[in-house]
Amino acid sequence: MLWTRMELPCWCLLLLSCLQSLSAHNDFFTSIGQMTDLLYTEKDLVTSLKDYIRAEESKLERVKRWADKLDSLTATATQDPEGFLGHPVNAFKLMKRLNTEWGDLESLVLSDTTDGMDY
């Protein structure tokens, strides 16, 4: 088949555009594959974030329990401080709380939940 001078360039352009189209689709699919990997990476990040939030909420609940316990103790003690501290066990427990338990609470508050340590 003989091509006319006008038909040949048209067919060449059509062939080139088809080849470019195929090339673009290959790049597109490669890009989709890489983007799929990014989706799974983001899913892993969300999972890690949720784990971190759960650990922080757990730590916060422990701090709240401490606060509630100490609030109850101080409310009772401040109603009659002399009578409360007149009992040697109460005086001892106050000193113990101030010397050790508040330090434990400070360690709990400052602890990093990502290091896997559980207080």
PDB file of N, CA and C in Angstrom:
ATOM      1  N   MET A   1       0.841  -1.161   0.000  1.00  0.00           N
ATOM      2  CA  MET A   1       0.000   0.000   0.000  1.00  0.00           C
ATOM      3  C   MET A   1       0.892   1.230   0.000  1.00  0.00           C
ATOM      4  N   LEU A   2       0.571   2.120  -0.819  1.00  0.00           N
ATOM      5  CA  LEU A   2       1.327   3.350  -0.955  1.00  0.00           C
ATOM      6  C   LEU A   2       0.684   4.437  -0.131  1.00  0.00           C
ATOM      7  N   TRP A   3       1.496   5.123   0.578  1.00  0.00           N
ATOM      8  CA  TRP A   3       1.016   6.238   1.402  1.00  0.00           C
ATOM      9  C   TRP A   3       1.160   7.531   0.630  1.00  0.00           C
ATOM     10  N   THR A   4       0.184   8.324   0.735  1.00  0.00           N
ATOM     11  CA  THR A   4       0.310   9.649   0.112  1.00  0.00           C
ATOM     12  C   THR A   4       1.124  10.512   1.045  1.00  0.00           C
ATOM     13  N   ARG A   5       1.577  11.592   0.533  1.00  0.00           N
ATOM     14  CA  ARG A   5       2.408  12.490   1.333  1.00  0.00           C
ATOM     15  C   ARG A   5       1.659  13.002   2.555  1.00  0.00           C
ATOM     16  N   MET A   6       0.390  13.174   2.494  1.00  0.00           N
ATOM     17  CA  MET A   6      -0.377  13.691   3.623  1.00  0.00           C
ATOM     18  C   MET A   6      -0.743  12.598   4.617  1.00  0.00           C
ATOM     19  N   GLU A   7      -0.943  11.370   4.114  1.00  0.00           N
ATOM     20  CA  GLU A   7      -1.361  10.301   5.003  1.00  0.00           C
ATOM     21  C   GLU A   7      -0.221   9.814   5.889  1.00  0.00           C
ATOM     22  N   LEU A   8       0.965   9.770   5.402  1.00  0.00           N
ATOM     23  CA  LEU A   8       2.102   9.251   6.157  1.00  0.00           C
ATOM     24  C   LEU A   8       2.347  10.044   7.439  1.00  0.00           C
ATOM     25  N   PRO A   9       2.441  11.348   7.396  1.00  0.00           N
ATOM     26  CA  PRO A   9       2.643  12.075   8.649  1.00  0.00           C
ATOM     27  C   PRO A   9       1.490  11.878   9.629  1.00  0.00           C
ATOM     28  N   CYS A  10       0.286  11.771   9.122  1.00  0.00           N
ATOM     29  CA  CYS A  10      -0.866  11.553  10.023  1.00  0.00           C
ATOM     30  C   CYS A  10      -0.748  10.217  10.723  1.00  0.00           C
ATOM     31  N   TRP A  11      -0.372   9.170   9.967  1.00  0.00           N
ATOM     32  CA  TRP A  11      -0.218   7.854  10.567  1.00  0.00           C
ATOM     33  C   TRP A  11       0.938   7.831  11.557  1.00  0.00           C
ATOM     34  N   CYS A  12       1.982   8.527  11.259  1.00  0.00           N
ATOM     35  CA  CYS A  12       3.125   8.603  12.189  1.00  0.00           C
ATOM     36  C   CYS A  12       2.723   9.288  13.484  1.00  0.00           C
ATOM     37  N   LEU A  13       1.982  10.357  13.354  1.00  0.00           N
ATOM     38  CA  LEU A  13       1.515  11.061  14.553  1.00  0.00           C
ATOM     39  C   LEU A  13       0.585  10.177  15.377  1.00  0.00           C
ATOM     40  N   LEU A  14      -0.280   9.446  14.713  1.00  0.00           N
ATOM     41  CA  LEU A  14      -1.195   8.549  15.404  1.00  0.00           C
ATOM     42  C   LEU A  14      -0.424   7.445  16.126  1.00  0.00           C
ATOM     43  N   LEU A  15       0.572   6.874  15.457  1.00  0.00           N
ATOM     44  CA  LEU A  15       1.397   5.826  16.048  1.00  0.00           C
ATOM     45  C   LEU A  15       2.176   6.369  17.249  1.00  0.00           C
ATOM     46  N   LEU A  16       2.751   7.517  17.134  1.00  0.00           N
ATOM     47  CA  LEU A  16       3.499   8.121  18.235  1.00  0.00           C
ATOM     48  C   LEU A  16       2.588   8.421  19.426  1.00  0.00           C
ATOM     49  N   SER A  17       1.406   8.922  19.134  1.00  0.00           N
ATOM     50  CA  SER A  17       0.496   9.231  20.232  1.00  0.00           C
ATOM     51  C   SER A  17       0.058   7.955  20.950  1.00  0.00           C
ATOM     52  N   CYS A  18      -0.107   6.859  20.199  1.00  0.00           N
ATOM     53  CA  CYS A  18      -0.459   5.575  20.827  1.00  0.00           C
ATOM     54  C   CYS A  18       0.679   5.080  21.703  1.00  0.00           C
ATOM     55  N   LEU A  19       1.914   5.205  21.225  1.00  0.00           N
ATOM     56  CA  LEU A  19       3.070   4.772  22.015  1.00  0.00           C
ATOM     57  C   LEU A  19       3.217   5.615  23.278  1.00  0.00           C
ATOM     58  N   GLN A  20       3.003   6.896  23.153  1.00  0.00           N
ATOM     59  CA  GLN A  20       3.070   7.765  24.326  1.00  0.00           C
ATOM     60  C   GLN A  20       1.968   7.418  25.314  1.00  0.00           C
ATOM     61  N   SER A  21       0.809   7.090  24.788  1.00  0.00           N
ATOM     62  CA  SER A  21      -0.306   6.717  25.646  1.00  0.00           C
ATOM     63  C   SER A  21       0.034   5.458  26.441  1.00  0.00           C
ATOM     64  N   LEU A  22       0.618   4.462  25.781  1.00  0.00           N
ATOM     65  CA  LEU A  22       1.022   3.231  26.467  1.00  0.00           C
ATOM     66  C   LEU A  22       2.074   3.522  27.520  1.00  0.00           C
ATOM     67  N   SER A  23       3.021   4.363  27.188  1.00  0.00           N
ATOM     68  CA  SER A  23       4.066   4.734  28.132  1.00  0.00           C
ATOM     69  C   SER A  23       3.471   5.448  29.337  1.00  0.00           C
ATOM     70  N   ALA A  24       2.551   6.329  29.097  1.00  0.00           N
ATOM     71  CA  ALA A  24       1.908   7.055  30.191  1.00  0.00           C
ATOM     72  C   ALA A  24       1.140   6.103  31.099  1.00  0.00           C
ATOM     73  N   HIS A  25       0.493   5.090  30.527  1.00  0.00           N
ATOM     74  CA  HIS A  25      -0.235   4.131  31.347  1.00  0.00           C
ATOM     75  C   HIS A  25       0.719   3.322  32.216  1.00  0.00           C
ATOM     76  N   ASN A  26       1.880   2.958  31.700  1.00  0.00           N
ATOM     77  CA  ASN A  26       2.855   2.234  32.505  1.00  0.00           C
ATOM     78  C   ASN A  26       3.318   3.086  33.678  1.00  0.00           C
ATOM     79  N   ASP A  27       3.599   4.351  33.436  1.00  0.00           N
ATOM     80  CA  ASP A  27       3.982   5.258  34.513  1.00  0.00           C
ATOM     81  C   ASP A  27       2.840   5.391  35.512  1.00  0.00           C
ATOM     82  N   PHE A  28       1.637   5.439  35.017  1.00  0.00           N
ATOM     83  CA  PHE A  28       0.470   5.571  35.876  1.00  0.00           C
ATOM     84  C   PHE A  28       0.360   4.366  36.802  1.00  0.00           C
ATOM     85  N   PHE A  29       0.507   3.162  36.263  1.00  0.00           N
ATOM     86  CA  PHE A  29       0.381   1.976  37.089  1.00  0.00           C
ATOM     87  C   PHE A  29       1.526   1.868  38.077  1.00  0.00           C
ATOM     88  N   THR A  30       2.728   2.254  37.672  1.00  0.00           N
ATOM     89  CA  THR A  30       3.850   2.261  38.602  1.00  0.00           C
ATOM     90  C   THR A  30       3.572   3.250  39.719  1.00  0.00           C
ATOM     91  N   SER A  31       3.063   4.388  39.363  1.00  0.00           N
ATOM     92  CA  SER A  31       2.746   5.406  40.359  1.00  0.00           C
ATOM     93  C   SER A  31       1.661   4.909  41.313  1.00  0.00           C
ATOM     94  N   ILE A  32       0.642   4.236  40.792  1.00  0.00           N
ATOM     95  CA  ILE A  32      -0.427   3.694  41.637  1.00  0.00           C
ATOM     96  C   ILE A  32       0.152   2.671  42.609  1.00  0.00           C
ATOM     97  N   GLY A  33       1.062   1.845  42.135  1.00  0.00           N
ATOM     98  CA  GLY A  33       1.695   0.855  43.011  1.00  0.00           C
ATOM     99  C   GLY A  33       2.462   1.517  44.142  1.00  0.00           C
ATOM    100  N   GLN A  34       3.186   2.559  43.824  1.00  0.00           N
ATOM    101  CA  GLN A  34       3.931   3.269  44.857  1.00  0.00           C
ATOM    102  C   GLN A  34       2.985   3.994  45.816  1.00  0.00           C
ATOM    103  N   MET A  35       1.918   4.534  45.292  1.00  0.00           N
ATOM    104  CA  MET A  35       0.950   5.223  46.138  1.00  0.00           C
ATOM    105  C   MET A  35       0.236   4.226  47.056  1.00  0.00           C
ATOM    106  N   THR A  36       0.021   3.002  46.571  1.00  0.00           N
ATOM    107  CA  THR A  36      -0.579   1.968  47.406  1.00  0.00           C
ATOM    108  C   THR A  36       0.318   1.675  48.601  1.00  0.00           C
ATOM    109  N   ASP A  37       1.626   1.611  48.360  1.00  0.00           N
ATOM    110  CA  ASP A  37       2.571   1.412  49.470  1.00  0.00           C
ATOM    111  C   ASP A  37       2.447   2.546  50.484  1.00  0.00           C
ATOM    112  N   LEU A  38       2.263   3.752  50.000  1.00  0.00           N
ATOM    113  CA  LEU A  38       2.109   4.897  50.899  1.00  0.00           C
ATOM    114  C   LEU A  38       0.835   4.789  51.720  1.00  0.00           C
ATOM    115  N   LEU A  39      -0.224   4.265  51.119  1.00  0.00           N
ATOM    116  CA  LEU A  39      -1.466   4.065  51.874  1.00  0.00           C
ATOM    117  C   LEU A  39      -1.254   3.110  53.043  1.00  0.00           C
ATOM    118  N   TYR A  40      -0.530   2.020  52.797  1.00  0.00           N
ATOM    119  CA  TYR A  40      -0.274   1.064  53.871  1.00  0.00           C
ATOM    120  C   TYR A  40       0.657   1.646  54.919  1.00  0.00           C
ATOM    121  N   THR A  41       1.582   2.477  54.500  1.00  0.00           N
ATOM    122  CA  THR A  41       2.447   3.160  55.462  1.00  0.00           C
ATOM    123  C   THR A  41       1.619   4.081  56.345  1.00  0.00           C
ATOM    124  N   GLU A  42       0.689   4.811  55.730  1.00  0.00           N
ATOM    125  CA  GLU A  42      -0.173   5.702  56.508  1.00  0.00           C
ATOM    126  C   GLU A  42      -1.053   4.893  57.466  1.00  0.00           C
ATOM    127  N   LYS A  43      -1.529   3.744  57.021  1.00  0.00           N
ATOM    128  CA  LYS A  43      -2.343   2.886  57.892  1.00  0.00           C
ATOM    129  C   LYS A  43      -1.533   2.459  59.116  1.00  0.00           C
ATOM    130  N   ASP A  44      -0.266   2.095  58.911  1.00  0.00           N
ATOM    131  CA  ASP A  44       0.600   1.716  60.027  1.00  0.00           C
ATOM    132  C   ASP A  44       0.821   2.894  60.977  1.00  0.00           C
ATOM    133  N   LEU A  45       0.965   4.085  60.411  1.00  0.00           N
ATOM    134  CA  LEU A  45       1.134   5.270  61.247  1.00  0.00           C
ATOM    135  C   LEU A  45      -0.101   5.533  62.102  1.00  0.00           C
ATOM    136  N   VAL A  46      -1.269   5.360  61.522  1.00  0.00           N
ATOM    137  CA  VAL A  46      -2.513   5.561  62.275  1.00  0.00           C
ATOM    138  C   VAL A  46      -2.617   4.534  63.398  1.00  0.00           C
ATOM    139  N   THR A  47      -2.244   3.299  63.116  1.00  0.00           N
ATOM    140  CA  THR A  47      -2.265   2.257  64.142  1.00  0.00           C
ATOM    141  C   THR A  47      -1.324   2.615  65.289  1.00  0.00           C
ATOM    142  N   SER A  48      -0.136   3.078  64.949  1.00  0.00           N
ATOM    143  CA  SER A  48       0.827   3.482  65.980  1.00  0.00           C
ATOM    144  C   SER A  48       0.304   4.666  66.784  1.00  0.00           C
ATOM    145  N   LEU A  49      -0.325   5.597  66.113  1.00  0.00           N
ATOM    146  CA  LEU A  49      -0.886   6.751  66.799  1.00  0.00           C
ATOM    147  C   LEU A  49      -1.972   6.323  67.779  1.00  0.00           C
ATOM    148  N   LYS A  50      -2.830   5.404  67.366  1.00  0.00           N
ATOM    149  CA  LYS A  50      -3.888   4.921  68.257  1.00  0.00           C
ATOM    150  C   LYS A  50      -3.302   4.185  69.460  1.00  0.00           C
ATOM    151  N   ASP A  51      -2.238   3.403  69.242  1.00  0.00           N
ATOM    152  CA  ASP A  51      -1.568   2.728  70.357  1.00  0.00           C
ATOM    153  C   ASP A  51      -1.002   3.744  71.341  1.00  0.00           C
ATOM    154  N   TYR A  52      -0.403   4.792  70.811  1.00  0.00           N
ATOM    155  CA  TYR A  52       0.155   5.850  71.652  1.00  0.00           C
ATOM    156  C   TYR A  52      -0.948   6.534  72.457  1.00  0.00           C
ATOM    157  N   ILE A  53      -2.069   6.822  71.818  1.00  0.00           N
ATOM    158  CA  ILE A  53      -3.186   7.477  72.505  1.00  0.00           C
ATOM    159  C   ILE A  53      -3.705   6.583  73.633  1.00  0.00           C
ATOM    160  N   ARG A  54      -3.845   5.275  73.367  1.00  0.00           N
ATOM    161  CA  ARG A  54      -4.306   4.346  74.409  1.00  0.00           C
ATOM    162  C   ARG A  54      -3.341   4.334  75.592  1.00  0.00           C
ATOM    163  N   ALA A  55      -2.054   4.317  75.304  1.00  0.00           N
ATOM    164  CA  ALA A  55      -1.057   4.306  76.386  1.00  0.00           C
ATOM    165  C   ALA A  55      -1.117   5.596  77.198  1.00  0.00           C
ATOM    166  N   GLU A  56      -1.269   6.725  76.523  1.00  0.00           N
ATOM    167  CA  GLU A  56      -1.367   8.010  77.232  1.00  0.00           C
ATOM    168  C   GLU A  56      -2.649   8.085  78.056  1.00  0.00           C
ATOM    169  N   GLU A  57      -3.756   7.574  77.515  1.00  0.00           N
ATOM    170  CA  GLU A  57      -5.019   7.574  78.267  1.00  0.00           C
ATOM    171  C   GLU A  57      -4.923   6.687  79.501  1.00  0.00           C
ATOM    172  N   SER A  58      -4.233   5.560  79.362  1.00  0.00           N
ATOM    173  CA  SER A  58      -4.046   4.661  80.494  1.00  0.00           C
ATOM    174  C   SER A  58      -3.220   5.358  81.580  1.00  0.00           C
ATOM    175  N   LYS A  59      -2.162   6.029  81.161  1.00  0.00           N
ATOM    176  CA  LYS A  59      -1.326   6.758  82.116  1.00  0.00           C
ATOM    177  C   LYS A  59      -2.141   7.856  82.791  1.00  0.00           C
ATOM    178  N   LEU A  60      -2.934   8.565  82.029  1.00  0.00           N
ATOM    179  CA  LEU A  60      -3.762   9.636  82.576  1.00  0.00           C
ATOM    180  C   LEU A  60      -4.778   9.090  83.579  1.00  0.00           C
ATOM    181  N   GLU A  61      -5.345   7.922  83.315  1.00  0.00           N
ATOM    182  CA  GLU A  61      -6.283   7.309  84.260  1.00  0.00           C
ATOM    183  C   GLU A  61      -5.598   6.997  85.591  1.00  0.00           C
ATOM    184  N   ARG A  62      -4.341   6.521  85.519  1.00  0.00           N
ATOM    185  CA  ARG A  62      -3.602   6.246  86.764  1.00  0.00           C
ATOM    186  C   ARG A  62      -3.353   7.540  87.537  1.00  0.00           C
ATOM    187  N   VAL A  63      -3.022   8.606  86.829  1.00  0.00           N
ATOM    188  CA  VAL A  63      -2.799   9.892  87.485  1.00  0.00           C
ATOM    189  C   VAL A  63      -4.101  10.388  88.117  1.00  0.00           C
ATOM    190  N   LYS A  64      -5.216  10.209  87.427  1.00  0.00           N
ATOM    191  CA  LYS A  64      -6.515  10.622  87.978  1.00  0.00           C
ATOM    192  C   LYS A  64      -6.844   9.843  89.253  1.00  0.00           C
ATOM    193  N   ARG A  65      -6.545   8.538  89.262  1.00  0.00           N
ATOM    194  CA  ARG A  65      -6.806   7.737  90.469  1.00  0.00           C
ATOM    195  C   ARG A  65      -5.980   8.258  91.643  1.00  0.00           C
ATOM    196  N   TRP A  66      -4.713   8.587  91.366  1.00  0.00           N
ATOM    197  CA  TRP A  66      -3.864   9.176  92.403  1.00  0.00           C
ATOM    198  C   TRP A  66      -4.497  10.466  92.919  1.00  0.00           C
ATOM    199  N   ALA A  67      -4.907  11.325  92.010  1.00  0.00           N
ATOM    200  CA  ALA A  67      -5.471  12.613  92.402  1.00  0.00           C
ATOM    201  C   ALA A  67      -6.732  12.419  93.241  1.00  0.00           C
ATOM    202  N   ASP A  68      -7.587  11.491  92.854  1.00  0.00           N
ATOM    203  CA  ASP A  68      -8.816  11.230  93.612  1.00  0.00           C
ATOM    204  C   ASP A  68      -8.495  10.705  95.010  1.00  0.00           C
ATOM    205  N   LYS A  69      -7.538   9.790  95.092  1.00  0.00           N
ATOM    206  CA  LYS A  69      -7.142   9.231  96.393  1.00  0.00           C
ATOM    207  C   LYS A  69      -6.581  10.329  97.292  1.00  0.00           C
ATOM    208  N   LEU A  70      -5.694  11.150  96.736  1.00  0.00           N
ATOM    209  CA  LEU A  70      -5.084  12.204  97.541  1.00  0.00           C
ATOM    210  C   LEU A  70      -6.084  13.297  97.904  1.00  0.00           C
ATOM    211  N   ASP A  71      -7.025  13.562  97.025  1.00  0.00           N
ATOM    212  CA  ASP A  71      -8.069  14.541  97.316  1.00  0.00           C
ATOM    213  C   ASP A  71      -8.901  14.077  98.499  1.00  0.00           C
ATOM    214  N   SER A  72      -9.247  12.810  98.510  1.00  0.00           N
ATOM    215  CA  SER A  72     -10.028  12.246  99.610  1.00  0.00           C
ATOM    216  C   SER A  72      -9.246  12.316 100.924  1.00  0.00           C
ATOM    217  N   LEU A  73      -7.970  11.953 100.863  1.00  0.00           N
ATOM    218  CA  LEU A  73      -7.143  11.975 102.073  1.00  0.00           C
ATOM    219  C   LEU A  73      -6.984  13.385 102.626  1.00  0.00           C
ATOM    220  N   THR A  74      -6.690  14.333 101.757  1.00  0.00           N
ATOM    221  CA  THR A  74      -6.470  15.704 102.234  1.00  0.00           C
ATOM    222  C   THR A  74      -7.771  16.352 102.710  1.00  0.00           C
ATOM    223  N   ALA A  75      -8.891  15.989 102.104  1.00  0.00           N
ATOM    224  CA  ALA A  75     -10.173  16.530 102.561  1.00  0.00           C
ATOM    225  C   ALA A  75     -10.457  16.092 103.995  1.00  0.00           C
ATOM    226  N   THR A  76     -10.187  14.839 104.276  1.00  0.00           N
ATOM    227  CA  THR A  76     -10.386  14.312 105.629  1.00  0.00           C
ATOM    228  C   THR A  76      -9.393  14.943 106.594  1.00  0.00           C
ATOM    229  N   ALA A  77      -8.148  15.032 106.184  1.00  0.00           N
ATOM    230  CA  ALA A  77      -7.089  15.536 107.060  1.00  0.00           C
ATOM    231  C   ALA A  77      -7.257  17.019 107.370  1.00  0.00           C
ATOM    232  N   THR A  78      -7.699  17.797 106.430  1.00  0.00           N
ATOM    233  CA  THR A  78      -7.798  19.242 106.649  1.00  0.00           C
ATOM    234  C   THR A  78      -9.042  19.645 107.444  1.00  0.00           C
ATOM    235  N   GLN A  79      -9.975  18.737 107.655  1.00  0.00           N
ATOM    236  CA  GLN A  79     -11.134  19.051 108.492  1.00  0.00           C
ATOM    237  C   GLN A  79     -10.702  19.255 109.947  1.00  0.00           C
ATOM    238  N   ASP A  80      -9.756  18.449 110.394  1.00  0.00           N
ATOM    239  CA  ASP A  80      -9.209  18.564 111.764  1.00  0.00           C
ATOM    240  C   ASP A  80      -7.735  18.184 111.702  1.00  0.00           C
ATOM    241  N   PRO A  81      -6.887  19.123 111.262  1.00  0.00           N
ATOM    242  CA  PRO A  81      -5.470  18.789 111.081  1.00  0.00           C
ATOM    243  C   PRO A  81      -4.788  18.293 112.362  1.00  0.00           C
ATOM    244  N   GLU A  82      -5.042  18.930 113.505  1.00  0.00           N
ATOM    245  CA  GLU A  82      -4.386  18.506 114.749  1.00  0.00           C
ATOM    246  C   GLU A  82      -4.830  17.106 115.164  1.00  0.00           C
ATOM    247  N   GLY A  83      -6.108  16.860 115.037  1.00  0.00           N
ATOM    248  CA  GLY A  83      -6.613  15.534 115.390  1.00  0.00           C
ATOM    249  C   GLY A  83      -6.093  14.470 114.434  1.00  0.00           C
ATOM    250  N   PHE A  84      -6.043  14.797 113.155  1.00  0.00           N
ATOM    251  CA  PHE A  84      -5.546  13.849 112.156  1.00  0.00           C
ATOM    252  C   PHE A  84      -4.078  13.530 112.390  1.00  0.00           C
ATOM    253  N   LEU A  85      -3.257  14.570 112.564  1.00  0.00           N
ATOM    254  CA  LEU A  85      -1.815  14.365 112.743  1.00  0.00           C
ATOM    255  C   LEU A  85      -1.461  13.886 114.146  1.00  0.00           C
ATOM    256  N   GLY A  86      -2.427  13.990 115.067  1.00  0.00           N
ATOM    257  CA  GLY A  86      -2.197  13.483 116.420  1.00  0.00           C
ATOM    258  C   GLY A  86      -2.119  11.965 116.445  1.00  0.00           C
ATOM    259  N   HIS A  87      -2.643  11.348 115.443  1.00  0.00           N
ATOM    260  CA  HIS A  87      -2.553   9.877 115.345  1.00  0.00           C
ATOM    261  C   HIS A  87      -1.238   9.547 114.643  1.00  0.00           C
ATOM    262  N   PRO A  88      -0.374   8.767 115.289  1.00  0.00           N
ATOM    263  CA  PRO A  88       0.961   8.513 114.723  1.00  0.00           C
ATOM    264  C   PRO A  88       0.948   7.826 113.345  1.00  0.00           C
ATOM    265  N   VAL A  89      -0.028   6.984 113.075  1.00  0.00           N
ATOM    266  CA  VAL A  89      -0.093   6.299 111.776  1.00  0.00           C
ATOM    267  C   VAL A  89      -0.397   7.317 110.670  1.00  0.00           C
ATOM    268  N   ASN A  90      -1.285   8.257 110.935  1.00  0.00           N
ATOM    269  CA  ASN A  90      -1.599   9.288 109.940  1.00  0.00           C
ATOM    270  C   ASN A  90      -0.383  10.167 109.662  1.00  0.00           C
ATOM    271  N   ALA A  91       0.340  10.542 110.735  1.00  0.00           N
ATOM    272  CA  ALA A  91       1.546  11.365 110.562  1.00  0.00           C
ATOM    273  C   ALA A  91       2.589  10.601 109.753  1.00  0.00           C
ATOM    274  N   PHE A  92       2.747   9.311 110.051  1.00  0.00           N
ATOM    275  CA  PHE A  92       3.713   8.491 109.314  1.00  0.00           C
ATOM    276  C   PHE A  92       3.322   8.390 107.838  1.00  0.00           C
ATOM    277  N   LYS A  93       2.030   8.140 107.570  1.00  0.00           N
ATOM    278  CA  LYS A  93       1.585   8.012 106.170  1.00  0.00           C
ATOM    279  C   LYS A  93       1.761   9.316 105.396  1.00  0.00           C
ATOM    280  N   LEU A  94       1.555  10.460 106.055  1.00  0.00           N
ATOM    281  CA  LEU A  94       1.772  11.748 105.397  1.00  0.00           C
ATOM    282  C   LEU A  94       3.241  11.897 105.000  1.00  0.00           C
ATOM    283  N   MET A  95       4.127  11.577 105.936  1.00  0.00           N
ATOM    284  CA  MET A  95       5.561  11.676 105.637  1.00  0.00           C
ATOM    285  C   MET A  95       5.961  10.699 104.526  1.00  0.00           C
ATOM    286  N   LYS A  96       5.408   9.509 104.564  1.00  0.00           N
ATOM    287  CA  LYS A  96       5.708   8.520 103.517  1.00  0.00           C
ATOM    288  C   LYS A  96       5.225   9.017 102.157  1.00  0.00           C
ATOM    289  N   ARG A  97       4.011   9.566 102.098  1.00  0.00           N
ATOM    290  CA  ARG A  97       3.491  10.100 100.824  1.00  0.00           C
ATOM    291  C   ARG A  97       4.396  11.197 100.283  1.00  0.00           C
ATOM    292  N   LEU A  98       4.783  12.105 101.165  1.00  0.00           N
ATOM    293  CA  LEU A  98       5.597  13.234 100.713  1.00  0.00           C
ATOM    294  C   LEU A  98       7.001  12.806 100.292  1.00  0.00           C
ATOM    295  N   ASN A  99       7.545  11.782 100.943  1.00  0.00           N
ATOM    296  CA  ASN A  99       8.920  11.352 100.638  1.00  0.00           C
ATOM    297  C   ASN A  99       9.019  10.371  99.487  1.00  0.00           C
ATOM    298  N   THR A 100       8.037   9.518  99.300  1.00  0.00           N
ATOM    299  CA  THR A 100       8.172   8.486  98.265  1.00  0.00           C
ATOM    300  C   THR A 100       7.043   8.494  97.235  1.00  0.00           C
ATOM    301  N   GLU A 101       5.818   8.546  97.690  1.00  0.00           N
ATOM    302  CA  GLU A 101       4.705   8.389  96.759  1.00  0.00           C
ATOM    303  C   GLU A 101       4.595   9.549  95.779  1.00  0.00           C
ATOM    304  N   TRP A 102       4.875  10.769  96.246  1.00  0.00           N
ATOM    305  CA  TRP A 102       4.847  11.897  95.299  1.00  0.00           C
ATOM    306  C   TRP A 102       5.966  11.764  94.272  1.00  0.00           C
ATOM    307  N   GLY A 103       7.082  11.207  94.672  1.00  0.00           N
ATOM    308  CA  GLY A 103       8.172  10.936  93.709  1.00  0.00           C
ATOM    309  C   GLY A 103       7.756   9.890  92.683  1.00  0.00           C
ATOM    310  N   ASP A 104       7.023   8.874  93.157  1.00  0.00           N
ATOM    311  CA  ASP A 104       6.510   7.863  92.228  1.00  0.00           C
ATOM    312  C   ASP A 104       5.523   8.469  91.239  1.00  0.00           C
ATOM    313  N   LEU A 105       4.674   9.350  91.753  1.00  0.00           N
ATOM    314  CA  LEU A 105       3.715  10.023  90.883  1.00  0.00           C
ATOM    315  C   LEU A 105       4.438  10.897  89.849  1.00  0.00           C
ATOM    316  N   GLU A 106       5.477  11.586  90.299  1.00  0.00           N
ATOM    317  CA  GLU A 106       6.261  12.409  89.366  1.00  0.00           C
ATOM    318  C   GLU A 106       6.879  11.536  88.279  1.00  0.00           C
ATOM    319  N   SER A 107       7.412  10.388  88.659  1.00  0.00           N
ATOM    320  CA  SER A 107       7.987   9.467  87.669  1.00  0.00           C
ATOM    321  C   SER A 107       6.940   8.992  86.681  1.00  0.00           C
ATOM    322  N   LEU A 108       5.740   8.707  87.184  1.00  0.00           N
ATOM    323  CA  LEU A 108       4.659   8.279  86.308  1.00  0.00           C
ATOM    324  C   LEU A 108       4.293   9.382  85.319  1.00  0.00           C
ATOM    325  N   VAL A 109       4.151  10.600  85.799  1.00  0.00           N
ATOM    326  CA  VAL A 109       3.773  11.713  84.931  1.00  0.00           C
ATOM    327  C   VAL A 109       4.848  11.978  83.884  1.00  0.00           C
ATOM    328  N   LEU A 110       6.099  11.868  84.265  1.00  0.00           N
ATOM    329  CA  LEU A 110       7.196  12.163  83.338  1.00  0.00           C
ATOM    330  C   LEU A 110       7.587  10.971  82.465  1.00  0.00           C
ATOM    331  N   SER A 111       6.990   9.808  82.736  1.00  0.00           N
ATOM    332  CA  SER A 111       7.367   8.610  81.978  1.00  0.00           C
ATOM    333  C   SER A 111       6.956   8.735  80.523  1.00  0.00           C
ATOM    334  N   ASP A 112       7.760   8.113  79.675  1.00  0.00           N
ATOM    335  CA  ASP A 112       7.498   8.096  78.241  1.00  0.00           C
ATOM    336  C   ASP A 112       6.748   6.814  77.925  1.00  0.00           C
ATOM    337  N   THR A 113       5.525   6.952  77.448  1.00  0.00           N
ATOM    338  CA  THR A 113       4.720   5.760  77.180  1.00  0.00           C
ATOM    339  C   THR A 113       5.239   4.973  75.991  1.00  0.00           C
ATOM    340  N   THR A 114       6.124   5.547  75.199  1.00  0.00           N
ATOM    341  CA  THR A 114       6.621   4.845  74.015  1.00  0.00           C
ATOM    342  C   THR A 114       7.774   3.919  74.337  1.00  0.00           C
ATOM    343  N   ASP A 115       8.336   4.001  75.560  1.00  0.00           N
ATOM    344  CA  ASP A 115       9.480   3.142  75.872  1.00  0.00           C
ATOM    345  C   ASP A 115       9.079   1.784  76.413  1.00  0.00           C
ATOM    346  N   GLY A 116       7.774   1.535  76.541  1.00  0.00           N
ATOM    347  CA  GLY A 116       7.290   0.216  76.931  1.00  0.00           C
ATOM    348  C   GLY A 116       7.307  -0.034  78.423  1.00  0.00           C
ATOM    349  N   MET A 117       7.743   0.929  79.216  1.00  0.00           N
ATOM    350  CA  MET A 117       7.767   0.737  80.666  1.00  0.00           C
ATOM    351  C   MET A 117       6.378   1.004  81.205  1.00  0.00           C
ATOM    352  N   ASP A 118       5.990   0.195  82.156  1.00  0.00           N
ATOM    353  CA  ASP A 118       4.684   0.342  82.772  1.00  0.00           C
ATOM    354  C   ASP A 118       4.878   0.512  84.263  1.00  0.00           C
ATOM    355  N   TYR A 119       4.414   1.604  84.791  1.00  0.00           N
ATOM    356  CA  TYR A 119       4.555   1.871  86.228  1.00  0.00           C
ATOM    357  C   TYR A 119       3.359   1.376  86.976  1.00  0.00           C
TER     358      TYR A 119
END
